[in-house]
Amino acid sequence: MPFKGQTIIEAQHSHTTSHLFTLRLWLEPLDDERSEWRGELKYTATGEIHYFRRWDQLKETLRLCLPGFELAPGSELQRPPEAM
């Protein structure tokens, strides 16, 4: 369904060139002194849910969901600051 002011053709085109994900991140306690970041990526188009523990796994998951996905040269997914 088109948004207000958008033609049906524009709405169809935007659906084929954009993808919607939800990303959930949390700090998981491992023991009294250590914790690690965990994540969940849900691809809303298919309902697929992928879990990851490392940032490179997030990048790989996006690559699998979006054939042809590559980060621009010189760009990187950044890690969050380490838990204190």
C-alpha atoms as a PDB file:
ATOM      1  CA  MET A   1       0.000   0.000   0.000  1.00  0.00           C
ATOM      2  CA  PRO A   2       1.444   3.386  -0.936  1.00  0.00           C
ATOM      3  CA  PHE A   3       2.130   6.080   1.636  1.00  0.00           C
ATOM      4  CA  LYS A   4       0.296   9.395   1.296  1.00  0.00           C
ATOM      5  CA  GLY A   5       1.555  11.173  -1.828  1.00  0.00           C
ATOM      6  CA  GLN A   6       3.240   8.024  -3.187  1.00  0.00           C
ATOM      7  CA  THR A   7       2.159   6.267  -6.361  1.00  0.00           C
ATOM      8  CA  ILE A   8       1.619   2.492  -6.462  1.00  0.00           C
ATOM      9  CA  ILE A   9       4.704   2.122  -8.688  1.00  0.00           C
ATOM     10  CA  GLU A  10       6.821   4.066  -6.164  1.00  0.00           C
ATOM     11  CA  ALA A  11       5.498   1.900  -3.330  1.00  0.00           C
ATOM     12  CA  GLN A  12       6.315  -1.314  -5.221  1.00  0.00           C
ATOM     13  CA  HIS A  13       9.797  -0.058  -6.050  1.00  0.00           C
ATOM     14  CA  SER A  14      10.559   0.952  -2.451  1.00  0.00           C
ATOM     15  CA  HIS A  15       9.550  -2.514  -1.227  1.00  0.00           C
ATOM     16  CA  THR A  16      11.968  -4.189  -3.613  1.00  0.00           C
ATOM     17  CA  THR A  17      14.927  -1.954  -2.759  1.00  0.00           C
ATOM     18  CA  SER A  18      14.592  -1.730   1.005  1.00  0.00           C
ATOM     19  CA  HIS A  19      14.601  -4.354   3.716  1.00  0.00           C
ATOM     20  CA  LEU A  20      13.436  -4.083   7.294  1.00  0.00           C
ATOM     21  CA  PHE A  21      15.177  -5.786  10.209  1.00  0.00           C
ATOM     22  CA  THR A  22      14.842  -5.572  13.961  1.00  0.00           C
ATOM     23  CA  LEU A  23      18.055  -5.756  15.933  1.00  0.00           C
ATOM     24  CA  ARG A  24      18.120  -6.599  19.633  1.00  0.00           C
ATOM     25  CA  LEU A  25      21.356  -6.344  21.634  1.00  0.00           C
ATOM     26  CA  TRP A  26      21.931  -7.253  25.265  1.00  0.00           C
ATOM     27  CA  LEU A  27      24.762  -7.854  27.682  1.00  0.00           C
ATOM     28  CA  GLU A  28      24.725 -11.488  28.810  1.00  0.00           C
ATOM     29  CA  PRO A  29      26.362 -12.260  32.193  1.00  0.00           C
ATOM     30  CA  LEU A  30      28.754 -15.213  31.977  1.00  0.00           C
ATOM     31  CA  ASP A  31      29.770 -15.262  35.629  1.00  0.00           C
ATOM     32  CA  ASP A  32      30.281 -12.750  38.455  1.00  0.00           C
ATOM     33  CA  GLU A  33      33.052 -10.903  36.619  1.00  0.00           C
ATOM     34  CA  ARG A  34      32.477 -11.440  32.922  1.00  0.00           C
ATOM     35  CA  SER A  35      29.772 -10.702  30.384  1.00  0.00           C
ATOM     36  CA  GLU A  36      29.489 -10.629  26.610  1.00  0.00           C
ATOM     37  CA  TRP A  37      27.319  -8.926  24.025  1.00  0.00           C
ATOM     38  CA  ARG A  38      24.674 -11.045  22.337  1.00  0.00           C
ATOM     39  CA  GLY A  39      22.359 -10.137  19.510  1.00  0.00           C
ATOM     40  CA  GLU A  40      19.270 -11.142  17.611  1.00  0.00           C
ATOM     41  CA  LEU A  41      18.537 -10.042  14.052  1.00  0.00           C
ATOM     42  CA  LYS A  42      15.012 -10.598  12.740  1.00  0.00           C
ATOM     43  CA  TYR A  43      14.341 -10.206   9.032  1.00  0.00           C
ATOM     44  CA  THR A  44      10.753  -8.961   9.018  1.00  0.00           C
ATOM     45  CA  ALA A  45      10.088  -9.986   5.395  1.00  0.00           C
ATOM     46  CA  THR A  46      10.521 -13.682   6.213  1.00  0.00           C
ATOM     47  CA  GLY A  47      10.302 -13.820  10.002  1.00  0.00           C
ATOM     48  CA  GLU A  48      13.745 -15.448  10.103  1.00  0.00           C
ATOM     49  CA  ILE A  49      15.592 -14.885  13.376  1.00  0.00           C
ATOM     50  CA  HIS A  50      19.361 -15.138  13.612  1.00  0.00           C
ATOM     51  CA  TYR A  51      21.360 -14.994  16.838  1.00  0.00           C
ATOM     52  CA  PHE A  52      24.974 -13.903  17.075  1.00  0.00           C
ATOM     53  CA  ARG A  53      27.737 -13.335  19.603  1.00  0.00           C
ATOM     54  CA  ARG A  54      30.339 -11.625  17.427  1.00  0.00           C
ATOM     55  CA  TRP A  55      30.004  -8.581  15.152  1.00  0.00           C
ATOM     56  CA  ASP A  56      31.422 -10.472  12.178  1.00  0.00           C
ATOM     57  CA  GLN A  57      28.486 -12.897  12.549  1.00  0.00           C
ATOM     58  CA  LEU A  58      26.064  -9.961  12.188  1.00  0.00           C
ATOM     59  CA  LYS A  59      27.770  -8.926   8.955  1.00  0.00           C
ATOM     60  CA  GLU A  60      27.644 -12.511   7.660  1.00  0.00           C
ATOM     61  CA  THR A  61      23.951 -12.823   8.565  1.00  0.00           C
ATOM     62  CA  LEU A  62      23.143  -9.643   6.635  1.00  0.00           C
ATOM     63  CA  ARG A  63      25.092 -10.995   3.675  1.00  0.00           C
ATOM     64  CA  LEU A  64      23.021 -14.218   3.744  1.00  0.00           C
ATOM     65  CA  CYS A  65      19.695 -12.345   3.983  1.00  0.00           C
ATOM     66  CA  LEU A  66      20.621  -9.819   1.290  1.00  0.00           C
ATOM     67  CA  PRO A  67      22.442 -11.339  -1.683  1.00  0.00           C
ATOM     68  CA  GLY A  68      24.888  -8.759  -2.998  1.00  0.00           C
ATOM     69  CA  PHE A  69      25.220  -7.005   0.378  1.00  0.00           C
ATOM     70  CA  GLU A  70      28.700  -5.658   0.991  1.00  0.00           C
ATOM     71  CA  LEU A  71      29.930  -2.874   3.234  1.00  0.00           C
ATOM     72  CA  ALA A  72      31.549   0.023   1.400  1.00  0.00           C
ATOM     73  CA  PRO A  73      35.351  -0.263   1.210  1.00  0.00           C
ATOM     74  CA  GLY A  74      36.946   1.112   4.352  1.00  0.00           C
ATOM     75  CA  SER A  75      33.767   0.888   6.444  1.00  0.00           C
ATOM     76  CA  GLU A  76      33.368  -1.551   9.294  1.00  0.00           C
ATOM     77  CA  LEU A  77      30.704  -2.521  11.774  1.00  0.00           C
ATOM     78  CA  GLN A  78      31.912  -1.105  15.061  1.00  0.00           C
ATOM     79  CA  ARG A  79      31.957  -3.056  18.308  1.00  0.00           C
ATOM     80  CA  PRO A  80      30.251  -1.475  21.304  1.00  0.00           C
ATOM     81  CA  PRO A  81      32.490  -0.482  24.221  1.00  0.00           C
ATOM     82  CA  GLU A  82      33.463  -3.415  26.422  1.00  0.00           C
ATOM     83  CA  ALA A  83      31.382  -3.967  29.533  1.00  0.00           C
ATOM     84  CA  MET A  84      32.915  -2.574  32.678  1.00  0.00           C
END
